């Protein structure tokens, strides 16, 4: 049995990001390739892992579902396109292991970060090379996409709440939990999200700025990583849903701290 290789990654941001596949011509059959795989990997099963899994998909030449293409020798034929050739060669990339790494990975995916190098499979074997300007343009013209923004939003809400409680002002929490007015609750919920975002994005401010200076993000990416995460929560109706879940979570925590005699926030 042929031993599969580990997919090469870009780590200039401090997290592993799988290199895109080249050439990105789309003649004949094409399919969506998940950069984070295999799908049954243990790091892709929880809320953060599922967000990572869906955060980068690339439209590539060749059909998906490689298992259906295996011949009698249990091999993928050479003439089926670069998608099956890739899966015949690689077992998958290193994946972000911690919640903080998942958060940083998703920040870069939302900003459409593309590494300088890709994996050229045009010769039916892999060559790592620099992505040409015209290839980069095509990748940014719809051949890379986020598969599910809602899964990323769910993880962001979970991560910010779990990691932002130490930054919350107790008065804001009290006002958020006690007001019967929906508009006020939305206001204080937004304040709590803002406080959590300020704390959570600190490790990613410098990598984000550097990637933007190096033109590795899309041109219209927000100037600051703080704004990108704020924007990720989408329209008011989407944000209201996350604020309601935050209300339920903090209400439960408040009840628990009353039982334990511990302050919810300093």
C-alpha atoms as a PDB file:
ATOM      1  CA  UNK A   1       0.000   0.000   0.000  1.00  0.00           C
ATOM      2  CA  UNK A   2       1.366   3.425  -0.974  1.00  0.00           C
ATOM      3  CA  UNK A   3       2.131   5.684   2.002  1.00  0.00           C
ATOM      4  CA  UNK A   4       0.402   9.030   1.590  1.00  0.00           C
ATOM      5  CA  UNK A   5       2.266  12.266   2.235  1.00  0.00           C
ATOM      6  CA  UNK A   6       1.348  15.062   4.596  1.00  0.00           C
ATOM      7  CA  UNK A   7      -0.057  18.016   2.652  1.00  0.00           C
ATOM      8  CA  UNK A   8       2.398  20.958   2.596  1.00  0.00           C
ATOM      9  CA  UNK A   9       1.256  23.992   4.545  1.00  0.00           C
ATOM     10  CA  UNK A  10       2.040  27.685   4.840  1.00  0.00           C
ATOM     11  CA  UNK A  11       2.889  28.728   8.408  1.00  0.00           C
ATOM     12  CA  UNK A  12       3.925  32.355   8.048  1.00  0.00           C
ATOM     13  CA  UNK A  13       0.857  33.414  10.072  1.00  0.00           C
ATOM     14  CA  UNK A  14       1.767  31.003  12.878  1.00  0.00           C
ATOM     15  CA  UNK A  15      -0.926  28.464  11.952  1.00  0.00           C
ATOM     16  CA  UNK A  16      -0.875  25.711   9.315  1.00  0.00           C
ATOM     17  CA  UNK A  17      -2.776  26.654   6.135  1.00  0.00           C
ATOM     18  CA  UNK A  18      -2.833  24.066   3.342  1.00  0.00           C
ATOM     19  CA  UNK A  19      -1.405  25.206   0.010  1.00  0.00           C
ATOM     20  CA  UNK A  20      -3.937  25.603  -2.841  1.00  0.00           C
ATOM     21  CA  UNK A  21      -3.921  23.196  -5.773  1.00  0.00           C
ATOM     22  CA  UNK A  22      -2.552  24.214  -9.189  1.00  0.00           C
ATOM     23  CA  UNK A  23      -3.087  24.688 -12.053  1.00  0.00           C
ATOM     24  CA  UNK A  24      -6.560  26.010 -11.407  1.00  0.00           C
ATOM     25  CA  UNK A  25      -7.949  25.556 -14.897  1.00  0.00           C
ATOM     26  CA  UNK A  26     -11.437  24.066 -14.940  1.00  0.00           C
ATOM     27  CA  UNK A  27     -11.700  22.007 -18.100  1.00  0.00           C
ATOM     28  CA  UNK A  28     -14.215  19.158 -18.063  1.00  0.00           C
ATOM     29  CA  UNK A  29     -15.517  17.809 -14.748  1.00  0.00           C
ATOM     30  CA  UNK A  30     -14.701  19.820 -11.651  1.00  0.00           C
ATOM     31  CA  UNK A  31     -15.553  19.613  -7.949  1.00  0.00           C
ATOM     32  CA  UNK A  32     -15.033  21.344  -4.601  1.00  0.00           C
ATOM     33  CA  UNK A  33     -11.941  20.407  -2.613  1.00  0.00           C
ATOM     34  CA  UNK A  34     -11.857  20.917   1.167  1.00  0.00           C
ATOM     35  CA  UNK A  35      -8.473  22.260   2.255  1.00  0.00           C
ATOM     36  CA  UNK A  36      -8.956  20.822   5.771  1.00  0.00           C
ATOM     37  CA  UNK A  37      -9.333  17.052   5.609  1.00  0.00           C
ATOM     38  CA  UNK A  38      -9.904  14.145   6.064  1.00  0.00           C
ATOM     39  CA  UNK A  39     -13.429  14.922   7.212  1.00  0.00           C
ATOM     40  CA  UNK A  40     -13.365  12.234   9.917  1.00  0.00           C
ATOM     41  CA  UNK A  41     -10.196  13.648  11.545  1.00  0.00           C
ATOM     42  CA  UNK A  42     -10.685  14.079  15.289  1.00  0.00           C
ATOM     43  CA  UNK A  43      -9.721  17.780  15.079  1.00  0.00           C
ATOM     44  CA  UNK A  44     -12.583  18.476  12.667  1.00  0.00           C
ATOM     45  CA  UNK A  45     -15.470  17.078  14.733  1.00  0.00           C
ATOM     46  CA  UNK A  46     -16.344  19.795  17.279  1.00  0.00           C
ATOM     47  CA  UNK A  47     -17.790  23.261  16.605  1.00  0.00           C
ATOM     48  CA  UNK A  48     -14.369  24.764  15.859  1.00  0.00           C
ATOM     49  CA  UNK A  49     -13.264  21.809  13.767  1.00  0.00           C
ATOM     50  CA  UNK A  50     -16.405  21.846  11.649  1.00  0.00           C
ATOM     51  CA  UNK A  51     -15.910  25.582  11.080  1.00  0.00           C
ATOM     52  CA  UNK A  52     -12.310  24.945   9.975  1.00  0.00           C
ATOM     53  CA  UNK A  53     -13.452  22.150   7.669  1.00  0.00           C
ATOM     54  CA  UNK A  54     -15.970  24.353   5.840  1.00  0.00           C
ATOM     55  CA  UNK A  55     -13.936  27.558   5.850  1.00  0.00           C
ATOM     56  CA  UNK A  56     -11.936  26.909   2.674  1.00  0.00           C
ATOM     57  CA  UNK A  57     -13.183  25.106  -0.423  1.00  0.00           C
ATOM     58  CA  UNK A  58     -11.446  25.267  -3.803  1.00  0.00           C
ATOM     59  CA  UNK A  59     -13.039  24.525  -7.157  1.00  0.00           C
ATOM     60  CA  UNK A  60     -10.628  22.170  -8.935  1.00  0.00           C
ATOM     61  CA  UNK A  61     -10.455  19.990 -12.007  1.00  0.00           C
ATOM     62  CA  UNK A  62     -11.662  16.409 -11.600  1.00  0.00           C
ATOM     63  CA  UNK A  63     -14.530  14.716  -9.789  1.00  0.00           C
ATOM     64  CA  UNK A  64     -14.914  14.390  -6.052  1.00  0.00           C
ATOM     65  CA  UNK A  65     -15.694  11.129  -4.304  1.00  0.00           C
ATOM     66  CA  UNK A  66     -12.326   9.600  -5.137  1.00  0.00           C
ATOM     67  CA  UNK A  67     -13.233   6.197  -3.717  1.00  0.00           C
ATOM     68  CA  UNK A  68     -15.693   5.640  -6.568  1.00  0.00           C
ATOM     69  CA  UNK A  69     -12.861   6.066  -9.086  1.00  0.00           C
ATOM     70  CA  UNK A  70     -10.544   3.336  -7.809  1.00  0.00           C
ATOM     71  CA  UNK A  71      -9.599   0.738 -10.403  1.00  0.00           C
ATOM     72  CA  UNK A  72      -9.015  -2.982  -9.841  1.00  0.00           C
ATOM     73  CA  UNK A  73      -5.543  -2.238  -8.486  1.00  0.00           C
ATOM     74  CA  UNK A  74      -7.134   0.035  -5.858  1.00  0.00           C
ATOM     75  CA  UNK A  75      -5.498   3.063  -7.482  1.00  0.00           C
ATOM     76  CA  UNK A  76      -6.861   6.246  -9.016  1.00  0.00           C
ATOM     77  CA  UNK A  77      -6.182   6.497 -12.803  1.00  0.00           C
ATOM     78  CA  UNK A  78      -3.900   9.308 -13.940  1.00  0.00           C
ATOM     79  CA  UNK A  79      -6.358  10.990 -16.290  1.00  0.00           C
ATOM     80  CA  UNK A  80      -9.116  11.929 -13.830  1.00  0.00           C
ATOM     81  CA  UNK A  81      -8.013  15.491 -12.967  1.00  0.00           C
ATOM     82  CA  UNK A  82      -6.016  17.074 -10.179  1.00  0.00           C
ATOM     83  CA  UNK A  83      -8.584  16.507  -7.419  1.00  0.00           C
ATOM     84  CA  UNK A  84      -8.257  12.687  -7.419  1.00  0.00           C
ATOM     85  CA  UNK A  85      -4.511  12.955  -8.067  1.00  0.00           C
ATOM     86  CA  UNK A  86      -4.186  15.105  -4.950  1.00  0.00           C
ATOM     87  CA  UNK A  87      -6.070  12.601  -2.774  1.00  0.00           C
ATOM     88  CA  UNK A  88      -4.012   9.768  -4.232  1.00  0.00           C
ATOM     89  CA  UNK A  89      -0.876  11.576  -3.053  1.00  0.00           C
ATOM     90  CA  UNK A  90      -1.748  13.294   0.238  1.00  0.00           C
ATOM     91  CA  UNK A  91      -3.380  12.233   3.479  1.00  0.00           C
ATOM     92  CA  UNK A  92      -4.152  15.796   4.573  1.00  0.00           C
ATOM     93  CA  UNK A  93      -2.462  18.814   6.171  1.00  0.00           C
ATOM     94  CA  UNK A  94      -1.561  19.683   9.727  1.00  0.00           C
ATOM     95  CA  UNK A  95      -4.655  21.171  11.346  1.00  0.00           C
ATOM     96  CA  UNK A  96      -5.079  23.839  14.025  1.00  0.00           C
ATOM     97  CA  UNK A  97      -5.145  21.997  17.332  1.00  0.00           C
ATOM     98  CA  UNK A  98      -6.336  24.518  19.920  1.00  0.00           C
ATOM     99  CA  UNK A  99      -9.384  26.780  20.017  1.00  0.00           C
ATOM    100  CA  UNK A 100      -7.077  29.794  19.727  1.00  0.00           C
ATOM    101  CA  UNK A 101      -5.433  28.342  16.604  1.00  0.00           C
ATOM    102  CA  UNK A 102      -8.845  27.571  15.105  1.00  0.00           C
ATOM    103  CA  UNK A 103      -9.873  31.167  15.773  1.00  0.00           C
ATOM    104  CA  UNK A 104      -6.765  32.507  14.012  1.00  0.00           C
ATOM    105  CA  UNK A 105      -7.194  30.090  11.103  1.00  0.00           C
ATOM    106  CA  UNK A 106     -10.777  31.216  10.555  1.00  0.00           C
ATOM    107  CA  UNK A 107      -9.764  34.867  10.694  1.00  0.00           C
ATOM    108  CA  UNK A 108      -7.374  34.277   7.800  1.00  0.00           C
ATOM    109  CA  UNK A 109      -9.931  32.304   5.805  1.00  0.00           C
ATOM    110  CA  UNK A 110     -12.540  35.071   6.193  1.00  0.00           C
ATOM    111  CA  UNK A 111      -9.950  37.563   4.930  1.00  0.00           C
ATOM    112  CA  UNK A 112      -9.326  35.265   1.925  1.00  0.00           C
ATOM    113  CA  UNK A 113      -5.697  34.642   2.843  1.00  0.00           C
ATOM    114  CA  UNK A 114      -3.859  32.829   0.038  1.00  0.00           C
ATOM    115  CA  UNK A 115      -0.291  31.536   0.535  1.00  0.00           C
ATOM    116  CA  UNK A 116       2.414  32.563  -1.931  1.00  0.00           C
ATOM    117  CA  UNK A 117       2.976  28.934  -2.936  1.00  0.00           C
ATOM    118  CA  UNK A 118       0.736  26.186  -4.280  1.00  0.00           C
ATOM    119  CA  UNK A 119       0.911  22.499  -5.215  1.00  0.00           C
ATOM    120  CA  UNK A 120       1.251  22.014  -8.983  1.00  0.00           C
ATOM    121  CA  UNK A 121      -0.240  18.673 -10.041  1.00  0.00           C
ATOM    122  CA  UNK A 122      -0.186  19.201 -13.812  1.00  0.00           C
ATOM    123  CA  UNK A 123       2.436  16.452 -14.289  1.00  0.00           C
ATOM    124  CA  UNK A 124       0.468  13.938 -12.180  1.00  0.00           C
ATOM    125  CA  UNK A 125       2.979  14.373  -9.368  1.00  0.00           C
ATOM    126  CA  UNK A 126       3.310  17.288  -6.933  1.00  0.00           C
ATOM    127  CA  UNK A 127       5.631  20.270  -7.309  1.00  0.00           C
ATOM    128  CA  UNK A 128       5.544  23.163  -4.852  1.00  0.00           C
ATOM    129  CA  UNK A 129       5.915  26.455  -6.692  1.00  0.00           C
ATOM    130  CA  UNK A 130       5.051  30.119  -6.405  1.00  0.00           C
ATOM    131  CA  UNK A 131       1.528  31.024  -7.510  1.00  0.00           C
ATOM    132  CA  UNK A 132       1.528  33.147 -10.666  1.00  0.00           C
ATOM    133  CA  UNK A 133      -0.328  36.508 -10.656  1.00  0.00           C
ATOM    134  CA  UNK A 134      -2.935  35.247 -13.139  1.00  0.00           C
ATOM    135  CA  UNK A 135      -3.510  32.131 -10.988  1.00  0.00           C
ATOM    136  CA  UNK A 136      -3.910  34.269  -7.887  1.00  0.00           C
ATOM    137  CA  UNK A 137      -6.456  36.386  -9.752  1.00  0.00           C
ATOM    138  CA  UNK A 138      -8.466  33.310 -10.702  1.00  0.00           C
ATOM    139  CA  UNK A 139      -8.377  31.956  -7.160  1.00  0.00           C
ATOM    140  CA  UNK A 140      -9.792  35.268  -5.934  1.00  0.00           C
ATOM    141  CA  UNK A 141     -12.485  35.272  -8.624  1.00  0.00           C
ATOM    142  CA  UNK A 142     -14.679  32.608  -7.092  1.00  0.00           C
ATOM    143  CA  UNK A 143     -12.526  29.471  -7.135  1.00  0.00           C
ATOM    144  CA  UNK A 144     -11.992  29.752  -3.383  1.00  0.00           C
ATOM    145  CA  UNK A 145     -14.986  30.135  -1.085  1.00  0.00           C
ATOM    146  CA  UNK A 146     -16.221  29.722   2.459  1.00  0.00           C
ATOM    147  CA  UNK A 147     -18.587  26.774   2.637  1.00  0.00           C
ATOM    148  CA  UNK A 148     -20.641  27.874   5.670  1.00  0.00           C
ATOM    149  CA  UNK A 149     -20.523  31.268   7.355  1.00  0.00           C
ATOM    150  CA  UNK A 150     -23.050  30.139   9.971  1.00  0.00           C
ATOM    151  CA  UNK A 151     -20.692  27.457  11.310  1.00  0.00           C
ATOM    152  CA  UNK A 152     -17.923  30.052  11.646  1.00  0.00           C
ATOM    153  CA  UNK A 153     -20.321  32.432  13.408  1.00  0.00           C
ATOM    154  CA  UNK A 154     -21.343  29.674  15.831  1.00  0.00           C
ATOM    155  CA  UNK A 155     -17.713  28.969  16.719  1.00  0.00           C
ATOM    156  CA  UNK A 156     -16.835  32.666  17.055  1.00  0.00           C
ATOM    157  CA  UNK A 157     -19.773  33.195  19.438  1.00  0.00           C
ATOM    158  CA  UNK A 158     -18.747  30.152  21.499  1.00  0.00           C
ATOM    159  CA  UNK A 159     -15.064  31.118  21.537  1.00  0.00           C
ATOM    160  CA  UNK A 160     -15.649  34.772  22.428  1.00  0.00           C
ATOM    161  CA  UNK A 161     -17.960  33.902  25.283  1.00  0.00           C
ATOM    162  CA  UNK A 162     -15.642  31.235  26.691  1.00  0.00           C
ATOM    163  CA  UNK A 163     -12.570  33.468  26.474  1.00  0.00           C
ATOM    164  CA  UNK A 164     -14.051  36.922  27.051  1.00  0.00           C
ATOM    165  CA  UNK A 165     -15.685  36.605  30.433  1.00  0.00           C
ATOM    166  CA  UNK A 166     -12.652  38.015  32.203  1.00  0.00           C
ATOM    167  CA  UNK A 167     -12.946  41.143  30.043  1.00  0.00           C
ATOM    168  CA  UNK A 168     -16.650  41.715  30.679  1.00  0.00           C
ATOM    169  CA  UNK A 169     -17.703  44.632  32.869  1.00  0.00           C
ATOM    170  CA  UNK A 170     -19.987  43.280  35.609  1.00  0.00           C
ATOM    171  CA  UNK A 171     -22.300  46.266  35.141  1.00  0.00           C
ATOM    172  CA  UNK A 172     -22.740  45.424  31.462  1.00  0.00           C
ATOM    173  CA  UNK A 173     -23.528  41.812  32.362  1.00  0.00           C
ATOM    174  CA  UNK A 174     -26.052  42.921  34.985  1.00  0.00           C
ATOM    175  CA  UNK A 175     -27.722  45.309  32.544  1.00  0.00           C
ATOM    176  CA  UNK A 176     -27.698  42.659  29.804  1.00  0.00           C
ATOM    177  CA  UNK A 177     -29.311  40.027  32.011  1.00  0.00           C
ATOM    178  CA  UNK A 178     -31.774  42.251  33.866  1.00  0.00           C
ATOM    179  CA  UNK A 179     -33.272  44.547  31.240  1.00  0.00           C
ATOM    180  CA  UNK A 180     -36.681  43.482  29.901  1.00  0.00           C
ATOM    181  CA  UNK A 181     -36.229  45.805  26.911  1.00  0.00           C
ATOM    182  CA  UNK A 182     -35.139  43.926  23.763  1.00  0.00           C
ATOM    183  CA  UNK A 183     -33.378  46.942  22.242  1.00  0.00           C
ATOM    184  CA  UNK A 184     -31.376  47.564  25.420  1.00  0.00           C
ATOM    185  CA  UNK A 185     -30.476  43.899  25.651  1.00  0.00           C
ATOM    186  CA  UNK A 186     -29.230  44.005  22.044  1.00  0.00           C
ATOM    187  CA  UNK A 187     -27.169  47.111  22.903  1.00  0.00           C
ATOM    188  CA  UNK A 188     -25.522  45.555  25.945  1.00  0.00           C
ATOM    189  CA  UNK A 189     -25.058  42.262  24.098  1.00  0.00           C
ATOM    190  CA  UNK A 190     -23.140  44.115  21.395  1.00  0.00           C
ATOM    191  CA  UNK A 191     -20.999  45.755  24.076  1.00  0.00           C
ATOM    192  CA  UNK A 192     -20.124  42.367  25.529  1.00  0.00           C
ATOM    193  CA  UNK A 193     -19.257  40.993  22.078  1.00  0.00           C
ATOM    194  CA  UNK A 194     -17.075  44.046  21.425  1.00  0.00           C
ATOM    195  CA  UNK A 195     -15.205  43.573  24.707  1.00  0.00           C
ATOM    196  CA  UNK A 196     -14.614  39.905  23.977  1.00  0.00           C
ATOM    197  CA  UNK A 197     -13.402  40.631  20.424  1.00  0.00           C
ATOM    198  CA  UNK A 198     -10.838  43.194  21.620  1.00  0.00           C
ATOM    199  CA  UNK A 199      -9.270  40.583  23.894  1.00  0.00           C
ATOM    200  CA  UNK A 200      -9.515  37.618  21.527  1.00  0.00           C
ATOM    201  CA  UNK A 201      -7.897  39.237  18.468  1.00  0.00           C
ATOM    202  CA  UNK A 202      -4.745  40.478  20.227  1.00  0.00           C
ATOM    203  CA  UNK A 203      -2.473  37.587  19.084  1.00  0.00           C
ATOM    204  CA  UNK A 204      -3.645  38.011  15.479  1.00  0.00           C
ATOM    205  CA  UNK A 205      -3.223  41.761  15.034  1.00  0.00           C
ATOM    206  CA  UNK A 206       0.380  41.544  13.820  1.00  0.00           C
ATOM    207  CA  UNK A 207      -0.021  38.478  11.513  1.00  0.00           C
ATOM    208  CA  UNK A 208      -3.126  40.045   9.969  1.00  0.00           C
ATOM    209  CA  UNK A 209      -1.413  43.397   9.354  1.00  0.00           C
ATOM    210  CA  UNK A 210       1.623  41.677   7.849  1.00  0.00           C
ATOM    211  CA  UNK A 211      -0.496  39.525   5.536  1.00  0.00           C
ATOM    212  CA  UNK A 212      -2.379  42.619   4.397  1.00  0.00           C
ATOM    213  CA  UNK A 213       0.890  44.476   3.722  1.00  0.00           C
ATOM    214  CA  UNK A 214       2.115  41.490   1.702  1.00  0.00           C
ATOM    215  CA  UNK A 215      -1.086  41.484  -0.439  1.00  0.00           C
ATOM    216  CA  UNK A 216      -2.014  37.991   0.719  1.00  0.00           C
ATOM    217  CA  UNK A 217      -5.539  39.067   1.723  1.00  0.00           C
ATOM    218  CA  UNK A 218      -8.341  40.147  -0.574  1.00  0.00           C
ATOM    219  CA  UNK A 219      -8.227  43.835  -1.478  1.00  0.00           C
ATOM    220  CA  UNK A 220     -11.427  44.742   0.375  1.00  0.00           C
ATOM    221  CA  UNK A 221     -10.493  42.892   3.582  1.00  0.00           C
ATOM    222  CA  UNK A 222     -11.139  45.106   6.639  1.00  0.00           C
ATOM    223  CA  UNK A 223      -8.180  47.206   7.742  1.00  0.00           C
ATOM    224  CA  UNK A 224      -8.213  45.674  11.211  1.00  0.00           C
ATOM    225  CA  UNK A 225      -8.708  42.117  12.413  1.00  0.00           C
ATOM    226  CA  UNK A 226     -11.036  43.522  15.083  1.00  0.00           C
ATOM    227  CA  UNK A 227     -13.393  44.832  12.397  1.00  0.00           C
ATOM    228  CA  UNK A 228     -13.231  41.570  10.454  1.00  0.00           C
ATOM    229  CA  UNK A 229     -14.403  39.558  13.473  1.00  0.00           C
ATOM    230  CA  UNK A 230     -17.134  42.090  14.251  1.00  0.00           C
ATOM    231  CA  UNK A 231     -18.307  41.896  10.619  1.00  0.00           C
ATOM    232  CA  UNK A 232     -18.344  38.099  10.779  1.00  0.00           C
ATOM    233  CA  UNK A 233     -21.509  38.166  12.878  1.00  0.00           C
ATOM    234  CA  UNK A 234     -23.395  39.482   9.879  1.00  0.00           C
ATOM    235  CA  UNK A 235     -26.704  41.284   9.818  1.00  0.00           C
ATOM    236  CA  UNK A 236     -28.695  42.358  12.862  1.00  0.00           C
ATOM    237  CA  UNK A 237     -31.014  39.337  12.682  1.00  0.00           C
ATOM    238  CA  UNK A 238     -28.044  36.935  12.727  1.00  0.00           C
ATOM    239  CA  UNK A 239     -26.380  38.851  15.554  1.00  0.00           C
ATOM    240  CA  UNK A 240     -29.608  38.815  17.576  1.00  0.00           C
ATOM    241  CA  UNK A 241     -29.646  35.026  17.455  1.00  0.00           C
ATOM    242  CA  UNK A 242     -26.110  34.844  18.857  1.00  0.00           C
ATOM    243  CA  UNK A 243     -26.920  37.460  21.499  1.00  0.00           C
ATOM    244  CA  UNK A 244     -29.937  35.432  22.602  1.00  0.00           C
ATOM    245  CA  UNK A 245     -27.773  32.329  22.950  1.00  0.00           C
ATOM    246  CA  UNK A 246     -25.227  34.401  24.889  1.00  0.00           C
ATOM    247  CA  UNK A 247     -28.058  35.593  27.154  1.00  0.00           C
ATOM    248  CA  UNK A 248     -29.100  32.000  27.850  1.00  0.00           C
ATOM    249  CA  UNK A 249     -25.492  30.947  28.508  1.00  0.00           C
ATOM    250  CA  UNK A 250     -24.739  33.862  30.850  1.00  0.00           C
ATOM    251  CA  UNK A 251     -28.049  33.378  32.660  1.00  0.00           C
ATOM    252  CA  UNK A 252     -27.101  29.760  33.329  1.00  0.00           C
ATOM    253  CA  UNK A 253     -23.637  30.820  34.488  1.00  0.00           C
ATOM    254  CA  UNK A 254     -25.132  33.481  36.760  1.00  0.00           C
ATOM    255  CA  UNK A 255     -27.364  30.899  38.403  1.00  0.00           C
ATOM    256  CA  UNK A 256     -24.398  28.569  38.864  1.00  0.00           C
ATOM    257  CA  UNK A 257     -22.207  31.286  40.381  1.00  0.00           C
ATOM    258  CA  UNK A 258     -24.973  32.167  42.810  1.00  0.00           C
ATOM    259  CA  UNK A 259     -24.936  28.570  43.953  1.00  0.00           C
ATOM    260  CA  UNK A 260     -21.119  28.511  44.131  1.00  0.00           C
ATOM    261  CA  UNK A 261     -20.820  32.013  45.632  1.00  0.00           C
ATOM    262  CA  UNK A 262     -18.461  33.203  42.865  1.00  0.00           C
ATOM    263  CA  UNK A 263     -18.589  36.495  40.936  1.00  0.00           C
ATOM    264  CA  UNK A 264     -19.410  36.120  37.222  1.00  0.00           C
ATOM    265  CA  UNK A 265     -17.146  39.002  36.245  1.00  0.00           C
ATOM    266  CA  UNK A 266     -14.652  41.166  38.068  1.00  0.00           C
END
